[in-house]
């Protein structure tokens, strides 16, 4: 994509900067970025970054930012996104089975990290659990959603439920769900891992 410009934004981090403290500032940045009317814009994020960009786009489209209707991006790319920050139940049979195969994440640590970002908000708030947001807004505004998930990732079951909700709400896009792959596996392409390189190439194809 020779005509593309990639901007990497360093988000504020919890626990010093939890969502209740910085969400409005991130929304303000979103509106600033969307002021370039002549550009096609894709927001992309992996893991917690996927959570933030999805939550912010949905909040902006809902008019929750000072009641103003925002311009929508062309698409959203989510790599192993955390779309539900309510505490995961380690006794859940599906999650317990995936955790045994997950080489990167464990449920207790993931829950602690999520709680630090949620802060004093309700964990079901769509600003931190975007699976609870009005997903039909994405279809109404023509925002495509692309997603990548791996079978050996405790965040994948919730991401696949989100994918299914996108289908239910007629949100356009594509998803790559690759069994046996770890959290954010396309990001390991530089190590020469075949699946990671193919995951990266899939991302480049759908965004082209």
C-alpha atoms as a PDB file:
ATOM      1  CA  UNK A   1       0.000   0.000   0.000  1.00  0.00           C
ATOM      2  CA  UNK A   2       2.441   2.673  -1.245  1.00  0.00           C
ATOM      3  CA  UNK A   3       0.049   5.598  -0.789  1.00  0.00           C
ATOM      4  CA  UNK A   4      -0.661   4.786   2.869  1.00  0.00           C
ATOM      5  CA  UNK A   5       0.584   6.612   5.935  1.00  0.00           C
ATOM      6  CA  UNK A   6       0.889   4.688   9.200  1.00  0.00           C
ATOM      7  CA  UNK A   7       0.628   6.643  12.439  1.00  0.00           C
ATOM      8  CA  UNK A   8       1.451   4.856  15.697  1.00  0.00           C
ATOM      9  CA  UNK A   9      -0.178   6.373  18.761  1.00  0.00           C
ATOM     10  CA  UNK A  10       1.048   5.589  22.263  1.00  0.00           C
ATOM     11  CA  UNK A  11      -2.016   5.264  24.450  1.00  0.00           C
ATOM     12  CA  UNK A  12      -2.042   6.237  28.146  1.00  0.00           C
ATOM     13  CA  UNK A  13      -1.556   3.232  30.380  1.00  0.00           C
ATOM     14  CA  UNK A  14      -3.305   1.958  33.480  1.00  0.00           C
ATOM     15  CA  UNK A  15      -3.148   2.017  36.433  1.00  0.00           C
ATOM     16  CA  UNK A  16      -1.979   5.652  36.354  1.00  0.00           C
ATOM     17  CA  UNK A  17      -4.297   6.490  33.459  1.00  0.00           C
ATOM     18  CA  UNK A  18      -7.425   4.286  33.608  1.00  0.00           C
ATOM     19  CA  UNK A  19     -10.318   4.658  31.180  1.00  0.00           C
ATOM     20  CA  UNK A  20     -12.421   6.967  33.403  1.00  0.00           C
ATOM     21  CA  UNK A  21      -9.528   9.419  33.496  1.00  0.00           C
ATOM     22  CA  UNK A  22      -8.456   9.443  29.848  1.00  0.00           C
ATOM     23  CA  UNK A  23     -11.328   8.211  27.672  1.00  0.00           C
ATOM     24  CA  UNK A  24     -12.577  11.706  26.821  1.00  0.00           C
ATOM     25  CA  UNK A  25      -9.061  12.744  25.832  1.00  0.00           C
ATOM     26  CA  UNK A  26      -8.801   9.752  23.480  1.00  0.00           C
ATOM     27  CA  UNK A  27     -12.187  10.685  22.008  1.00  0.00           C
ATOM     28  CA  UNK A  28     -10.921  14.221  21.403  1.00  0.00           C
ATOM     29  CA  UNK A  29      -7.903  12.778  19.589  1.00  0.00           C
ATOM     30  CA  UNK A  30     -10.241  10.633  17.486  1.00  0.00           C
ATOM     31  CA  UNK A  31     -12.177  13.705  16.354  1.00  0.00           C
ATOM     32  CA  UNK A  32      -8.932  15.499  15.519  1.00  0.00           C
ATOM     33  CA  UNK A  33      -7.727  12.574  13.419  1.00  0.00           C
ATOM     34  CA  UNK A  34     -11.073  12.364  11.635  1.00  0.00           C
ATOM     35  CA  UNK A  35     -10.924  16.012  10.574  1.00  0.00           C
ATOM     36  CA  UNK A  36      -8.978  15.022   7.439  1.00  0.00           C
ATOM     37  CA  UNK A  37     -12.024  14.690   5.176  1.00  0.00           C
ATOM     38  CA  UNK A  38     -10.135  13.698   2.030  1.00  0.00           C
ATOM     39  CA  UNK A  39      -8.450  10.621   3.491  1.00  0.00           C
ATOM     40  CA  UNK A  40      -9.508   7.011   3.872  1.00  0.00           C
ATOM     41  CA  UNK A  41      -8.891   6.052   7.505  1.00  0.00           C
ATOM     42  CA  UNK A  42      -8.517   2.676   9.207  1.00  0.00           C
ATOM     43  CA  UNK A  43      -8.118   2.341  12.963  1.00  0.00           C
ATOM     44  CA  UNK A  44      -6.137  -0.720  14.013  1.00  0.00           C
ATOM     45  CA  UNK A  45      -5.266  -2.204  17.379  1.00  0.00           C
ATOM     46  CA  UNK A  46      -4.102  -5.450  18.878  1.00  0.00           C
ATOM     47  CA  UNK A  47      -5.197  -6.908  22.227  1.00  0.00           C
ATOM     48  CA  UNK A  48      -6.000  -4.019  24.591  1.00  0.00           C
ATOM     49  CA  UNK A  49      -5.373  -1.591  21.737  1.00  0.00           C
ATOM     50  CA  UNK A  50      -8.175  -3.302  19.847  1.00  0.00           C
ATOM     51  CA  UNK A  51     -10.415  -2.744  22.839  1.00  0.00           C
ATOM     52  CA  UNK A  52      -9.628   0.978  22.908  1.00  0.00           C
ATOM     53  CA  UNK A  53     -10.025   1.754  19.228  1.00  0.00           C
ATOM     54  CA  UNK A  54     -13.278  -0.202  18.976  1.00  0.00           C
ATOM     55  CA  UNK A  55     -14.701   1.429  22.102  1.00  0.00           C
ATOM     56  CA  UNK A  56     -13.712   4.918  20.977  1.00  0.00           C
ATOM     57  CA  UNK A  57     -15.120   4.554  17.461  1.00  0.00           C
ATOM     58  CA  UNK A  58     -18.430   3.223  18.793  1.00  0.00           C
ATOM     59  CA  UNK A  59     -18.627   5.961  21.424  1.00  0.00           C
ATOM     60  CA  UNK A  60     -17.975   8.614  18.786  1.00  0.00           C
ATOM     61  CA  UNK A  61     -20.572   7.203  16.402  1.00  0.00           C
ATOM     62  CA  UNK A  62     -23.144   7.008  19.167  1.00  0.00           C
ATOM     63  CA  UNK A  63     -22.843  10.741  19.721  1.00  0.00           C
ATOM     64  CA  UNK A  64     -21.701  10.255  23.324  1.00  0.00           C
ATOM     65  CA  UNK A  65     -18.996  12.860  22.741  1.00  0.00           C
ATOM     66  CA  UNK A  66     -20.864  16.089  23.455  1.00  0.00           C
ATOM     67  CA  UNK A  67     -23.800  14.808  21.436  1.00  0.00           C
ATOM     68  CA  UNK A  68     -21.990  15.482  18.162  1.00  0.00           C
ATOM     69  CA  UNK A  69     -22.333  13.171  15.184  1.00  0.00           C
ATOM     70  CA  UNK A  70     -18.852  12.089  14.188  1.00  0.00           C
ATOM     71  CA  UNK A  71     -17.395  11.151  10.858  1.00  0.00           C
ATOM     72  CA  UNK A  72     -16.866   7.391  10.655  1.00  0.00           C
ATOM     73  CA  UNK A  73     -13.638   5.639   9.655  1.00  0.00           C
ATOM     74  CA  UNK A  74     -13.649   3.391   6.621  1.00  0.00           C
ATOM     75  CA  UNK A  75     -12.663   0.326   8.601  1.00  0.00           C
ATOM     76  CA  UNK A  76     -11.398  -1.117  11.867  1.00  0.00           C
ATOM     77  CA  UNK A  77      -8.738  -3.814  12.178  1.00  0.00           C
ATOM     78  CA  UNK A  78      -8.721  -5.895  15.363  1.00  0.00           C
ATOM     79  CA  UNK A  79      -5.916  -8.349  16.139  1.00  0.00           C
ATOM     80  CA  UNK A  80      -6.706 -10.634  19.090  1.00  0.00           C
ATOM     81  CA  UNK A  81      -8.935  -7.930  20.595  1.00  0.00           C
ATOM     82  CA  UNK A  82     -10.164  -7.801  24.182  1.00  0.00           C
ATOM     83  CA  UNK A  83     -13.789  -6.900  23.530  1.00  0.00           C
ATOM     84  CA  UNK A  84     -15.198  -7.810  26.955  1.00  0.00           C
ATOM     85  CA  UNK A  85     -13.427  -6.604  30.113  1.00  0.00           C
ATOM     86  CA  UNK A  86     -15.820  -8.184  32.554  1.00  0.00           C
ATOM     87  CA  UNK A  87     -13.922 -10.738  34.687  1.00  0.00           C
ATOM     88  CA  UNK A  88     -13.321 -14.049  32.930  1.00  0.00           C
ATOM     89  CA  UNK A  89     -14.425 -17.095  34.891  1.00  0.00           C
ATOM     90  CA  UNK A  90     -11.602 -19.606  35.234  1.00  0.00           C
ATOM     91  CA  UNK A  91     -14.215 -22.273  35.978  1.00  0.00           C
ATOM     92  CA  UNK A  92     -15.828 -21.790  32.579  1.00  0.00           C
ATOM     93  CA  UNK A  93     -15.163 -25.027  30.726  1.00  0.00           C
ATOM     94  CA  UNK A  94     -14.508 -23.357  27.379  1.00  0.00           C
ATOM     95  CA  UNK A  95     -12.035 -20.856  28.830  1.00  0.00           C
ATOM     96  CA  UNK A  96     -10.341 -23.451  31.016  1.00  0.00           C
ATOM     97  CA  UNK A  97      -9.707 -25.619  27.968  1.00  0.00           C
ATOM     98  CA  UNK A  98      -8.238 -22.736  25.973  1.00  0.00           C
ATOM     99  CA  UNK A  99      -6.060 -21.564  28.885  1.00  0.00           C
ATOM    100  CA  UNK A 100      -4.328 -24.956  28.927  1.00  0.00           C
ATOM    101  CA  UNK A 101      -3.166 -24.284  25.375  1.00  0.00           C
ATOM    102  CA  UNK A 102      -2.458 -20.548  25.698  1.00  0.00           C
ATOM    103  CA  UNK A 103       1.324 -19.885  25.792  1.00  0.00           C
ATOM    104  CA  UNK A 104       0.950 -16.150  26.440  1.00  0.00           C
ATOM    105  CA  UNK A 105      -2.027 -15.226  28.641  1.00  0.00           C
ATOM    106  CA  UNK A 106      -3.553 -16.543  31.859  1.00  0.00           C
ATOM    107  CA  UNK A 107      -6.981 -15.651  33.200  1.00  0.00           C
ATOM    108  CA  UNK A 108      -6.017 -14.156  36.606  1.00  0.00           C
ATOM    109  CA  UNK A 109      -3.410 -11.801  35.129  1.00  0.00           C
ATOM    110  CA  UNK A 110      -5.731 -10.793  32.290  1.00  0.00           C
ATOM    111  CA  UNK A 111      -8.515 -10.028  34.753  1.00  0.00           C
ATOM    112  CA  UNK A 112      -6.198  -7.871  36.872  1.00  0.00           C
ATOM    113  CA  UNK A 113      -5.022  -5.904  33.864  1.00  0.00           C
ATOM    114  CA  UNK A 114      -8.583  -5.365  32.667  1.00  0.00           C
ATOM    115  CA  UNK A 115      -9.685  -4.155  36.118  1.00  0.00           C
ATOM    116  CA  UNK A 116      -6.914  -1.552  36.157  1.00  0.00           C
ATOM    117  CA  UNK A 117      -8.128  -0.078  32.863  1.00  0.00           C
ATOM    118  CA  UNK A 118     -11.822  -0.212  33.882  1.00  0.00           C
ATOM    119  CA  UNK A 119     -11.089   1.706  37.070  1.00  0.00           C
ATOM    120  CA  UNK A 120     -14.227   2.799  38.910  1.00  0.00           C
ATOM    121  CA  UNK A 121     -16.505   2.283  35.912  1.00  0.00           C
ATOM    122  CA  UNK A 122     -18.851  -0.677  35.652  1.00  0.00           C
ATOM    123  CA  UNK A 123     -16.989  -3.353  33.675  1.00  0.00           C
ATOM    124  CA  UNK A 124     -20.106  -3.787  31.513  1.00  0.00           C
ATOM    125  CA  UNK A 125     -19.883  -0.165  30.327  1.00  0.00           C
ATOM    126  CA  UNK A 126     -19.558  -0.210  26.505  1.00  0.00           C
ATOM    127  CA  UNK A 127     -16.675   2.252  26.749  1.00  0.00           C
ATOM    128  CA  UNK A 128     -14.582  -0.610  28.147  1.00  0.00           C
ATOM    129  CA  UNK A 129     -16.640  -3.596  26.983  1.00  0.00           C
ATOM    130  CA  UNK A 130     -17.484  -2.687  23.386  1.00  0.00           C
ATOM    131  CA  UNK A 131     -19.327  -5.957  22.808  1.00  0.00           C
ATOM    132  CA  UNK A 132     -22.124  -4.222  24.763  1.00  0.00           C
ATOM    133  CA  UNK A 133     -22.200  -1.188  22.462  1.00  0.00           C
ATOM    134  CA  UNK A 134     -24.719  -0.569  19.683  1.00  0.00           C
ATOM    135  CA  UNK A 135     -22.936  -2.497  16.936  1.00  0.00           C
ATOM    136  CA  UNK A 136     -25.593  -1.624  14.395  1.00  0.00           C
ATOM    137  CA  UNK A 137     -23.967   1.818  14.205  1.00  0.00           C
ATOM    138  CA  UNK A 138     -21.053   0.249  12.329  1.00  0.00           C
ATOM    139  CA  UNK A 139     -23.373  -1.100   9.646  1.00  0.00           C
ATOM    140  CA  UNK A 140     -25.349   2.146   9.460  1.00  0.00           C
ATOM    141  CA  UNK A 141     -22.185   4.179   8.855  1.00  0.00           C
ATOM    142  CA  UNK A 142     -20.549   1.631   6.533  1.00  0.00           C
ATOM    143  CA  UNK A 143     -17.615   0.819   8.816  1.00  0.00           C
ATOM    144  CA  UNK A 144     -16.022  -2.499   7.881  1.00  0.00           C
ATOM    145  CA  UNK A 145     -14.547  -4.633  10.669  1.00  0.00           C
ATOM    146  CA  UNK A 146     -11.629  -6.975  10.038  1.00  0.00           C
ATOM    147  CA  UNK A 147     -10.467  -9.347  12.755  1.00  0.00           C
ATOM    148  CA  UNK A 148      -7.729 -11.864  13.452  1.00  0.00           C
ATOM    149  CA  UNK A 149      -7.928 -14.481  16.201  1.00  0.00           C
ATOM    150  CA  UNK A 150      -5.950 -17.551  17.216  1.00  0.00           C
ATOM    151  CA  UNK A 151      -7.281 -20.785  18.670  1.00  0.00           C
ATOM    152  CA  UNK A 152      -4.791 -20.862  21.569  1.00  0.00           C
ATOM    153  CA  UNK A 153      -5.807 -17.510  23.049  1.00  0.00           C
ATOM    154  CA  UNK A 154      -8.128 -17.007  26.014  1.00  0.00           C
ATOM    155  CA  UNK A 155      -9.395 -13.781  24.418  1.00  0.00           C
ATOM    156  CA  UNK A 156     -10.601 -15.594  21.303  1.00  0.00           C
ATOM    157  CA  UNK A 157     -13.963 -16.948  22.578  1.00  0.00           C
ATOM    158  CA  UNK A 158     -15.207 -13.430  23.381  1.00  0.00           C
ATOM    159  CA  UNK A 159     -13.797 -12.091  20.096  1.00  0.00           C
ATOM    160  CA  UNK A 160     -15.661 -14.764  18.130  1.00  0.00           C
ATOM    161  CA  UNK A 161     -18.885 -13.898  19.924  1.00  0.00           C
ATOM    162  CA  UNK A 162     -18.269 -10.299  18.886  1.00  0.00           C
ATOM    163  CA  UNK A 163     -17.674 -11.462  15.302  1.00  0.00           C
ATOM    164  CA  UNK A 164     -20.987 -13.299  15.339  1.00  0.00           C
ATOM    165  CA  UNK A 165     -22.738 -10.174  16.630  1.00  0.00           C
ATOM    166  CA  UNK A 166     -21.216  -8.210  13.768  1.00  0.00           C
ATOM    167  CA  UNK A 167     -22.704 -10.718  11.331  1.00  0.00           C
ATOM    168  CA  UNK A 168     -26.063 -10.432  13.111  1.00  0.00           C
ATOM    169  CA  UNK A 169     -25.983  -6.641  12.719  1.00  0.00           C
ATOM    170  CA  UNK A 170     -24.890  -6.826   9.049  1.00  0.00           C
ATOM    171  CA  UNK A 171     -21.470  -5.298   9.733  1.00  0.00           C
ATOM    172  CA  UNK A 172     -19.298  -5.902   6.688  1.00  0.00           C
ATOM    173  CA  UNK A 173     -15.725  -7.200   6.843  1.00  0.00           C
ATOM    174  CA  UNK A 174     -13.704 -10.400   7.132  1.00  0.00           C
ATOM    175  CA  UNK A 175     -12.256 -12.475   9.972  1.00  0.00           C
ATOM    176  CA  UNK A 176      -9.316 -14.859  10.103  1.00  0.00           C
ATOM    177  CA  UNK A 177      -9.644 -17.403  12.925  1.00  0.00           C
ATOM    178  CA  UNK A 178      -6.658 -19.727  12.904  1.00  0.00           C
ATOM    179  CA  UNK A 179      -6.701 -22.750  15.188  1.00  0.00           C
ATOM    180  CA  UNK A 180      -3.540 -23.462  17.145  1.00  0.00           C
ATOM    181  CA  UNK A 181      -2.267 -19.875  17.003  1.00  0.00           C
ATOM    182  CA  UNK A 182      -1.304 -17.683  19.950  1.00  0.00           C
ATOM    183  CA  UNK A 183      -2.419 -14.218  21.029  1.00  0.00           C
ATOM    184  CA  UNK A 184      -1.508 -11.616  18.375  1.00  0.00           C
ATOM    185  CA  UNK A 185       0.303 -14.206  16.265  1.00  0.00           C
ATOM    186  CA  UNK A 186       0.637 -12.033  13.095  1.00  0.00           C
ATOM    187  CA  UNK A 187       2.891  -9.653  15.042  1.00  0.00           C
ATOM    188  CA  UNK A 188       5.568 -12.375  15.212  1.00  0.00           C
ATOM    189  CA  UNK A 189       6.091 -12.347  11.444  1.00  0.00           C
ATOM    190  CA  UNK A 190       9.572 -10.837  11.770  1.00  0.00           C
ATOM    191  CA  UNK A 191      10.761 -14.079  13.412  1.00  0.00           C
ATOM    192  CA  UNK A 192      10.087 -15.986  10.218  1.00  0.00           C
ATOM    193  CA  UNK A 193       7.131 -17.982  11.559  1.00  0.00           C
ATOM    194  CA  UNK A 194       5.111 -19.169   8.579  1.00  0.00           C
ATOM    195  CA  UNK A 195       1.685 -18.695  10.149  1.00  0.00           C
ATOM    196  CA  UNK A 196       2.613 -15.246  11.392  1.00  0.00           C
ATOM    197  CA  UNK A 197       3.806 -14.163   7.952  1.00  0.00           C
ATOM    198  CA  UNK A 198       0.636 -15.507   6.360  1.00  0.00           C
ATOM    199  CA  UNK A 199      -1.443 -13.692   8.986  1.00  0.00           C
ATOM    200  CA  UNK A 200       0.350 -10.452   8.164  1.00  0.00           C
ATOM    201  CA  UNK A 201      -0.226 -10.978   4.450  1.00  0.00           C
ATOM    202  CA  UNK A 202      -3.929 -11.600   5.100  1.00  0.00           C
ATOM    203  CA  UNK A 203      -4.145  -8.252   6.911  1.00  0.00           C
ATOM    204  CA  UNK A 204      -2.434  -6.436   4.049  1.00  0.00           C
ATOM    205  CA  UNK A 205      -4.777  -8.089   1.538  1.00  0.00           C
ATOM    206  CA  UNK A 206      -8.041  -7.144   3.240  1.00  0.00           C
ATOM    207  CA  UNK A 207      -6.909  -3.577   3.896  1.00  0.00           C
ATOM    208  CA  UNK A 208      -5.637  -2.990   0.355  1.00  0.00           C
END
